[in-house]
Amino acid sequence: MTTAVHSPGATTATTATAASPGLQALQLPIDGMTCASCVMRVEKALKALPGVQRAEVNLATEQAAVAVEPGVGAQAFVAAVRKAGYEVGTQHVELSVEGMTCASCVSRVEKALLKVPGVTSASVNLATEKATVEMLSTVPVQALEAAIQKGGYTVKARDTASPSASASATPAWHWPAWWPVAVAAALTAPLVAPMLLQVLGIDWMLGGWAQWALATPVQFWLGWRFYRAG
């Protein structure tokens, strides 16, 4: 089995059992939130989805707890959060499946995997006996294995990476979540400086075009997600 994590927002939280009867509870790792307004936007986006009964977002843990009716796919949550201007932590997992003999077997395994809460997509290759799954990074791999085994198939024992393989594996690098704030601060510092210098009796001001060049990226590039989120 190989696993590739696509977001630093992944945490140790797992898919939970719904507290309310008939509902499923999901934990979504959210990346890119910086303030209370971000929390409100994410909650609004999640609550707007059909079937969602409750959505609570925690800025400190970068997690969204959602209570949803069965049948609502995780892909809908991922799309809603991304449309709001943020990211959901996902991972790709590849499993070796034994016991498949025909296209019907492939279909059954795919359906079983897609029923696991938190799975966004599943593709099974009969020739290679491999199942490739994209899911929330909070979903345990054991849940996938259990779903396959419940369908009457066997998951091959996962390979244990050798020390050399582990040492050579380099995790994907991601921009830190605070980089837009740092860039915005650097660009706006020359705009704020004249006001501070006036306190010292220094009269200095940037030219109009220079101010425009510094302010435009902050407003319409770094701040674009706020316009998109509405």
C-alpha atoms as a PDB file:
ATOM      1  CA  MET A   1       0.000   0.000   0.000  1.00  0.00           C
ATOM      2  CA  THR A   2       1.230   3.462  -0.830  1.00  0.00           C
ATOM      3  CA  THR A   3      -0.099   6.636   0.686  1.00  0.00           C
ATOM      4  CA  ALA A   4       0.369  10.219  -0.499  1.00  0.00           C
ATOM      5  CA  VAL A   5      -0.903  12.991   1.744  1.00  0.00           C
ATOM      6  CA  HIS A   6      -1.861  16.169  -0.132  1.00  0.00           C
ATOM      7  CA  SER A   7      -2.382  18.657   2.643  1.00  0.00           C
ATOM      8  CA  PRO A   8      -0.650  19.691   5.811  1.00  0.00           C
ATOM      9  CA  GLY A   9      -4.055  20.071   7.395  1.00  0.00           C
ATOM     10  CA  ALA A  10      -4.160  16.344   8.130  1.00  0.00           C
ATOM     11  CA  THR A  11      -4.595  15.465  11.793  1.00  0.00           C
ATOM     12  CA  THR A  12      -5.046  12.396  13.911  1.00  0.00           C
ATOM     13  CA  ALA A  13      -8.822  12.818  14.027  1.00  0.00           C
ATOM     14  CA  THR A  14     -10.822   9.999  12.516  1.00  0.00           C
ATOM     15  CA  THR A  15     -14.232   9.582  10.986  1.00  0.00           C
ATOM     16  CA  ALA A  16     -16.605   9.587  13.907  1.00  0.00           C
ATOM     17  CA  THR A  17     -19.868   7.845  14.570  1.00  0.00           C
ATOM     18  CA  ALA A  18     -22.822  10.192  14.364  1.00  0.00           C
ATOM     19  CA  ALA A  19     -24.200  11.251  17.721  1.00  0.00           C
ATOM     20  CA  SER A  20     -27.712  11.612  16.295  1.00  0.00           C
ATOM     21  CA  PRO A  21     -29.492   8.475  15.080  1.00  0.00           C
ATOM     22  CA  GLY A  22     -29.535   8.166  11.314  1.00  0.00           C
ATOM     23  CA  LEU A  23     -26.767  10.723  10.761  1.00  0.00           C
ATOM     24  CA  GLN A  24     -23.111  10.304   9.877  1.00  0.00           C
ATOM     25  CA  ALA A  25     -20.401  12.415  11.478  1.00  0.00           C
ATOM     26  CA  LEU A  26     -17.337  13.464   9.516  1.00  0.00           C
ATOM     27  CA  GLN A  27     -14.198  15.313  10.541  1.00  0.00           C
ATOM     28  CA  LEU A  28     -12.805  17.448   7.717  1.00  0.00           C
ATOM     29  CA  PRO A  29      -9.284  18.914   8.000  1.00  0.00           C
ATOM     30  CA  ILE A  30      -9.485  22.474   6.644  1.00  0.00           C
ATOM     31  CA  ASP A  31      -6.394  24.312   5.468  1.00  0.00           C
ATOM     32  CA  GLY A  32      -6.051  28.045   4.873  1.00  0.00           C
ATOM     33  CA  MET A  33      -8.260  29.555   7.611  1.00  0.00           C
ATOM     34  CA  THR A  34      -6.776  32.532   9.419  1.00  0.00           C
ATOM     35  CA  CYS A  35      -9.617  34.270  11.269  1.00  0.00           C
ATOM     36  CA  ALA A  36     -13.200  34.076  12.534  1.00  0.00           C
ATOM     37  CA  SER A  37     -14.487  35.246   9.155  1.00  0.00           C
ATOM     38  CA  CYS A  38     -12.856  32.200   7.554  1.00  0.00           C
ATOM     39  CA  VAL A  39     -14.664  29.966  10.041  1.00  0.00           C
ATOM     40  CA  MET A  40     -17.996  31.585   9.194  1.00  0.00           C
ATOM     41  CA  ARG A  41     -17.418  31.179   5.446  1.00  0.00           C
ATOM     42  CA  VAL A  42     -16.554  27.497   5.752  1.00  0.00           C
ATOM     43  CA  GLU A  43     -19.534  26.818   8.022  1.00  0.00           C
ATOM     44  CA  LYS A  44     -21.847  28.655   5.636  1.00  0.00           C
ATOM     45  CA  ALA A  45     -20.539  26.662   2.664  1.00  0.00           C
ATOM     46  CA  LEU A  46     -20.983  23.334   4.471  1.00  0.00           C
ATOM     47  CA  LYS A  47     -24.434  24.123   5.850  1.00  0.00           C
ATOM     48  CA  ALA A  48     -25.627  25.023   2.352  1.00  0.00           C
ATOM     49  CA  LEU A  49     -25.127  21.424   1.183  1.00  0.00           C
ATOM     50  CA  PRO A  50     -28.272  19.268   1.008  1.00  0.00           C
ATOM     51  CA  GLY A  51     -28.435  16.732   3.831  1.00  0.00           C
ATOM     52  CA  VAL A  52     -26.148  18.609   6.232  1.00  0.00           C
ATOM     53  CA  GLN A  53     -27.817  18.939   9.638  1.00  0.00           C
ATOM     54  CA  ARG A  54     -24.943  20.530  11.533  1.00  0.00           C
ATOM     55  CA  ALA A  55     -21.521  21.982  10.710  1.00  0.00           C
ATOM     56  CA  GLU A  56     -19.092  23.352  13.279  1.00  0.00           C
ATOM     57  CA  VAL A  57     -15.622  24.647  12.410  1.00  0.00           C
ATOM     58  CA  ASN A  58     -12.764  24.999  14.889  1.00  0.00           C
ATOM     59  CA  LEU A  59     -10.074  27.481  13.875  1.00  0.00           C
ATOM     60  CA  ALA A  60      -7.542  26.253  16.451  1.00  0.00           C
ATOM     61  CA  THR A  61      -7.645  22.612  15.337  1.00  0.00           C
ATOM     62  CA  GLU A  62      -8.399  23.447  11.674  1.00  0.00           C
ATOM     63  CA  GLN A  63     -11.193  20.885  11.743  1.00  0.00           C
ATOM     64  CA  ALA A  64     -14.819  20.922  10.610  1.00  0.00           C
ATOM     65  CA  ALA A  65     -17.261  18.563  12.343  1.00  0.00           C
ATOM     66  CA  VAL A  66     -20.234  17.765  10.134  1.00  0.00           C
ATOM     67  CA  ALA A  67     -23.391  15.776  10.867  1.00  0.00           C
ATOM     68  CA  VAL A  68     -24.917  14.672   7.592  1.00  0.00           C
ATOM     69  CA  GLU A  69     -27.585  12.329   6.285  1.00  0.00           C
ATOM     70  CA  PRO A  70     -26.289   9.060   4.777  1.00  0.00           C
ATOM     71  CA  GLY A  71     -25.690   9.157   1.054  1.00  0.00           C
ATOM     72  CA  VAL A  72     -24.009  12.566   0.827  1.00  0.00           C
ATOM     73  CA  GLY A  73     -20.605  11.979  -0.747  1.00  0.00           C
ATOM     74  CA  ALA A  74     -17.441  13.473   0.692  1.00  0.00           C
ATOM     75  CA  GLN A  75     -16.652  14.974  -2.709  1.00  0.00           C
ATOM     76  CA  ALA A  76     -19.507  17.448  -2.169  1.00  0.00           C
ATOM     77  CA  PHE A  77     -17.806  18.733   1.008  1.00  0.00           C
ATOM     78  CA  VAL A  78     -14.436  19.040  -0.697  1.00  0.00           C
ATOM     79  CA  ALA A  79     -15.955  20.968  -3.609  1.00  0.00           C
ATOM     80  CA  ALA A  80     -17.904  23.302  -1.298  1.00  0.00           C
ATOM     81  CA  VAL A  81     -14.867  24.151   0.844  1.00  0.00           C
ATOM     82  CA  ARG A  82     -12.662  24.723  -2.204  1.00  0.00           C
ATOM     83  CA  LYS A  83     -15.311  26.962  -3.759  1.00  0.00           C
ATOM     84  CA  ALA A  84     -15.223  29.019  -0.567  1.00  0.00           C
ATOM     85  CA  GLY A  85     -11.485  29.525  -1.072  1.00  0.00           C
ATOM     86  CA  TYR A  86     -10.004  26.933   1.293  1.00  0.00           C
ATOM     87  CA  GLU A  87      -8.584  23.418   1.062  1.00  0.00           C
ATOM     88  CA  VAL A  88      -9.594  20.072   2.528  1.00  0.00           C
ATOM     89  CA  GLY A  89      -6.840  17.636   3.481  1.00  0.00           C
ATOM     90  CA  THR A  90      -7.060  14.510   1.316  1.00  0.00           C
ATOM     91  CA  GLN A  91      -4.844  11.529   0.684  1.00  0.00           C
ATOM     92  CA  HIS A  92      -4.479   8.857  -1.999  1.00  0.00           C
ATOM     93  CA  VAL A  93      -4.231   5.226  -0.929  1.00  0.00           C
ATOM     94  CA  GLU A  94      -3.475   2.199  -3.090  1.00  0.00           C
ATOM     95  CA  LEU A  95      -4.602  -1.237  -1.906  1.00  0.00           C
ATOM     96  CA  SER A  96      -3.957  -4.688  -3.359  1.00  0.00           C
ATOM     97  CA  VAL A  97      -7.196  -6.686  -3.630  1.00  0.00           C
ATOM     98  CA  GLU A  98      -7.408 -10.448  -4.097  1.00  0.00           C
ATOM     99  CA  GLY A  99     -10.387 -12.486  -5.233  1.00  0.00           C
ATOM    100  CA  MET A 100     -11.654 -10.373  -8.141  1.00  0.00           C
ATOM    101  CA  THR A 101     -12.417 -12.339 -11.302  1.00  0.00           C
ATOM    102  CA  CYS A 102     -14.590 -10.124 -13.509  1.00  0.00           C
ATOM    103  CA  ALA A 103     -15.957  -6.633 -14.141  1.00  0.00           C
ATOM    104  CA  SER A 104     -18.771  -7.244 -11.645  1.00  0.00           C
ATOM    105  CA  CYS A 105     -16.183  -7.790  -8.933  1.00  0.00           C
ATOM    106  CA  VAL A 106     -14.558  -4.486  -9.826  1.00  0.00           C
ATOM    107  CA  SER A 107     -17.914  -2.723  -9.600  1.00  0.00           C
ATOM    108  CA  ARG A 108     -18.702  -4.297  -6.220  1.00  0.00           C
ATOM    109  CA  VAL A 109     -15.350  -3.282  -4.738  1.00  0.00           C
ATOM    110  CA  GLU A 110     -15.683   0.283  -6.025  1.00  0.00           C
ATOM    111  CA  LYS A 111     -19.201   0.606  -4.616  1.00  0.00           C
ATOM    112  CA  ALA A 112     -18.074  -0.788  -1.267  1.00  0.00           C
ATOM    113  CA  LEU A 113     -15.241   1.744  -1.066  1.00  0.00           C
ATOM    114  CA  LEU A 114     -17.430   4.682  -2.082  1.00  0.00           C
ATOM    115  CA  LYS A 115     -19.809   3.856   0.775  1.00  0.00           C
ATOM    116  CA  VAL A 116     -17.067   4.471   3.348  1.00  0.00           C
ATOM    117  CA  PRO A 117     -17.713   7.916   4.878  1.00  0.00           C
ATOM    118  CA  GLY A 118     -14.995  10.317   3.770  1.00  0.00           C
ATOM    119  CA  VAL A 119     -14.098   8.596   0.484  1.00  0.00           C
ATOM    120  CA  THR A 120     -14.222  11.010  -2.455  1.00  0.00           C
ATOM    121  CA  SER A 121     -13.329   8.624  -5.303  1.00  0.00           C
ATOM    122  CA  ALA A 122     -12.399   4.992  -5.875  1.00  0.00           C
ATOM    123  CA  SER A 123     -11.007   3.243  -8.944  1.00  0.00           C
ATOM    124  CA  VAL A 124     -10.258  -0.484  -9.216  1.00  0.00           C
ATOM    125  CA  ASN A 125      -8.062  -2.145 -11.854  1.00  0.00           C
ATOM    126  CA  LEU A 126      -8.788  -5.826 -12.407  1.00  0.00           C
ATOM    127  CA  ALA A 127      -5.553  -6.536 -14.295  1.00  0.00           C
ATOM    128  CA  THR A 128      -3.282  -5.167 -11.581  1.00  0.00           C
ATOM    129  CA  GLU A 129      -5.630  -6.065  -8.697  1.00  0.00           C
ATOM    130  CA  LYS A 130      -5.186  -2.562  -7.344  1.00  0.00           C
ATOM    131  CA  ALA A 131      -7.729  -0.206  -5.800  1.00  0.00           C
ATOM    132  CA  THR A 132      -6.843   3.495  -5.811  1.00  0.00           C
ATOM    133  CA  VAL A 133      -8.801   5.600  -3.350  1.00  0.00           C
ATOM    134  CA  GLU A 134      -8.927   9.317  -2.637  1.00  0.00           C
ATOM    135  CA  MET A 135     -10.308  10.147   0.793  1.00  0.00           C
ATOM    136  CA  LEU A 136     -10.229  12.670   3.589  1.00  0.00           C
ATOM    137  CA  SER A 137      -6.951  12.481   5.464  1.00  0.00           C
ATOM    138  CA  THR A 138      -8.904  11.746   8.658  1.00  0.00           C
ATOM    139  CA  VAL A 139     -10.256   8.438   7.304  1.00  0.00           C
ATOM    140  CA  PRO A 140      -8.376   5.378   8.627  1.00  0.00           C
ATOM    141  CA  VAL A 141      -7.141   2.900   6.034  1.00  0.00           C
ATOM    142  CA  GLN A 142      -8.619   0.122   8.160  1.00  0.00           C
ATOM    143  CA  ALA A 143     -12.088   1.371   7.189  1.00  0.00           C
ATOM    144  CA  LEU A 144     -11.286   0.710   3.529  1.00  0.00           C
ATOM    145  CA  GLU A 145      -9.938  -2.739   4.271  1.00  0.00           C
ATOM    146  CA  ALA A 146     -13.024  -3.613   6.296  1.00  0.00           C
ATOM    147  CA  ALA A 147     -15.332  -2.506   3.463  1.00  0.00           C
ATOM    148  CA  ILE A 148     -13.469  -4.666   0.931  1.00  0.00           C
ATOM    149  CA  GLN A 149     -13.464  -7.694   3.216  1.00  0.00           C
ATOM    150  CA  LYS A 150     -17.169  -7.244   3.933  1.00  0.00           C
ATOM    151  CA  GLY A 151     -17.756  -7.475   0.178  1.00  0.00           C
ATOM    152  CA  GLY A 152     -16.124 -10.916   0.089  1.00  0.00           C
ATOM    153  CA  TYR A 153     -12.650 -10.001  -1.104  1.00  0.00           C
ATOM    154  CA  THR A 154      -9.236 -10.017   0.513  1.00  0.00           C
ATOM    155  CA  VAL A 155      -6.813  -7.155   1.006  1.00  0.00           C
ATOM    156  CA  LYS A 156      -3.204  -8.229   0.657  1.00  0.00           C
ATOM    157  CA  ALA A 157      -0.914  -7.554   3.571  1.00  0.00           C
ATOM    158  CA  ARG A 158       0.519  -4.098   3.340  1.00  0.00           C
ATOM    159  CA  ASP A 159       4.202  -3.954   2.509  1.00  0.00           C
ATOM    160  CA  THR A 160       6.509  -2.689   5.233  1.00  0.00           C
ATOM    161  CA  ALA A 161       8.843  -0.092   3.769  1.00  0.00           C
ATOM    162  CA  SER A 162      12.523  -0.890   4.110  1.00  0.00           C
ATOM    163  CA  PRO A 163      14.730   1.597   5.992  1.00  0.00           C
ATOM    164  CA  SER A 164      16.340   2.710   2.741  1.00  0.00           C
ATOM    165  CA  ALA A 165      12.968   3.290   1.095  1.00  0.00           C
ATOM    166  CA  SER A 166      11.747   5.299   4.061  1.00  0.00           C
ATOM    167  CA  ALA A 167      14.878   7.415   4.079  1.00  0.00           C
ATOM    168  CA  SER A 168      14.595   8.167   0.367  1.00  0.00           C
ATOM    169  CA  ALA A 169      10.932   9.105   0.535  1.00  0.00           C
ATOM    170  CA  THR A 170      10.656  12.864   0.610  1.00  0.00           C
ATOM    171  CA  PRO A 171       7.282  14.319   1.643  1.00  0.00           C
ATOM    172  CA  ALA A 172       5.690  16.796  -0.729  1.00  0.00           C
ATOM    173  CA  TRP A 173       6.414  20.409   0.181  1.00  0.00           C
ATOM    174  CA  HIS A 174       3.540  22.835   0.585  1.00  0.00           C
ATOM    175  CA  TRP A 175       3.399  26.576   1.058  1.00  0.00           C
ATOM    176  CA  PRO A 176       2.719  27.355   4.738  1.00  0.00           C
ATOM    177  CA  ALA A 177      -0.758  28.681   5.490  1.00  0.00           C
ATOM    178  CA  TRP A 178       0.635  32.023   6.750  1.00  0.00           C
ATOM    179  CA  TRP A 179       2.470  32.998   3.568  1.00  0.00           C
ATOM    180  CA  PRO A 180      -0.318  35.283   2.187  1.00  0.00           C
ATOM    181  CA  VAL A 181      -0.259  37.274   5.434  1.00  0.00           C
ATOM    182  CA  ALA A 182       3.515  37.641   5.297  1.00  0.00           C
ATOM    183  CA  VAL A 183       3.491  38.775   1.653  1.00  0.00           C
ATOM    184  CA  ALA A 184       0.620  41.192   2.295  1.00  0.00           C
ATOM    185  CA  ALA A 185       2.477  42.683   5.279  1.00  0.00           C
ATOM    186  CA  ALA A 186       5.621  43.182   3.198  1.00  0.00           C
ATOM    187  CA  LEU A 187       3.707  44.902   0.397  1.00  0.00           C
ATOM    188  CA  THR A 188       1.697  47.193   2.680  1.00  0.00           C
ATOM    189  CA  ALA A 189       4.623  48.216   4.911  1.00  0.00           C
ATOM    190  CA  PRO A 190       5.777  50.963   2.474  1.00  0.00           C
ATOM    191  CA  LEU A 191       2.198  52.291   2.399  1.00  0.00           C
ATOM    192  CA  VAL A 192       1.974  52.507   6.192  1.00  0.00           C
ATOM    193  CA  ALA A 193       5.516  53.852   6.670  1.00  0.00           C
ATOM    194  CA  PRO A 194       4.732  57.495   5.668  1.00  0.00           C
ATOM    195  CA  MET A 195       2.083  57.736   8.399  1.00  0.00           C
ATOM    196  CA  LEU A 196       4.537  56.482  11.003  1.00  0.00           C
ATOM    197  CA  LEU A 197       7.289  58.774   9.777  1.00  0.00           C
ATOM    198  CA  GLN A 198       5.052  61.809  10.160  1.00  0.00           C
ATOM    199  CA  VAL A 199       5.171  61.236  13.926  1.00  0.00           C
ATOM    200  CA  LEU A 200       8.926  61.799  13.696  1.00  0.00           C
ATOM    201  CA  GLY A 201       8.479  64.905  11.595  1.00  0.00           C
ATOM    202  CA  ILE A 202       9.577  63.256   8.376  1.00  0.00           C
ATOM    203  CA  ASP A 203       7.424  64.131   5.372  1.00  0.00           C
ATOM    204  CA  TRP A 204       7.735  61.331   2.813  1.00  0.00           C
ATOM    205  CA  MET A 205       5.219  59.744   0.474  1.00  0.00           C
ATOM    206  CA  LEU A 206       5.381  57.163  -2.299  1.00  0.00           C
ATOM    207  CA  GLY A 207       4.302  58.161  -5.765  1.00  0.00           C
ATOM    208  CA  GLY A 208       0.798  57.276  -6.893  1.00  0.00           C
ATOM    209  CA  TRP A 209       1.878  54.547  -9.322  1.00  0.00           C
ATOM    210  CA  ALA A 210       4.099  52.952  -6.689  1.00  0.00           C
ATOM    211  CA  GLN A 211       1.190  52.885  -4.240  1.00  0.00           C
ATOM    212  CA  TRP A 212      -1.026  51.315  -6.893  1.00  0.00           C
ATOM    213  CA  ALA A 213       1.593  48.665  -7.697  1.00  0.00           C
ATOM    214  CA  LEU A 214       1.872  47.686  -4.022  1.00  0.00           C
ATOM    215  CA  ALA A 215      -1.819  47.794  -3.127  1.00  0.00           C
ATOM    216  CA  THR A 216      -3.253  45.990  -6.177  1.00  0.00           C
ATOM    217  CA  PRO A 217      -1.716  42.548  -5.472  1.00  0.00           C
ATOM    218  CA  VAL A 218      -2.859  42.728  -1.845  1.00  0.00           C
ATOM    219  CA  GLN A 219      -6.409  43.630  -2.800  1.00  0.00           C
ATOM    220  CA  PHE A 220      -7.020  41.470  -5.860  1.00  0.00           C
ATOM    221  CA  TRP A 221      -4.491  38.611  -5.642  1.00  0.00           C
ATOM    222  CA  LEU A 222      -3.985  37.842  -1.968  1.00  0.00           C
ATOM    223  CA  GLY A 223      -7.503  39.023  -1.130  1.00  0.00           C
ATOM    224  CA  TRP A 224      -9.223  37.323  -4.053  1.00  0.00           C
ATOM    225  CA  ARG A 225     -10.447  34.360  -2.011  1.00  0.00           C
ATOM    226  CA  PHE A 226     -12.532  36.709   0.135  1.00  0.00           C
ATOM    227  CA  TYR A 227     -14.305  38.052  -2.952  1.00  0.00           C
ATOM    228  CA  ARG A 228     -14.816  34.517  -4.250  1.00  0.00           C
ATOM    229  CA  ALA A 229     -16.185  33.318  -0.922  1.00  0.00           C
ATOM    230  CA  GLY A 230     -18.698  36.166  -0.890  1.00  0.00           C
END
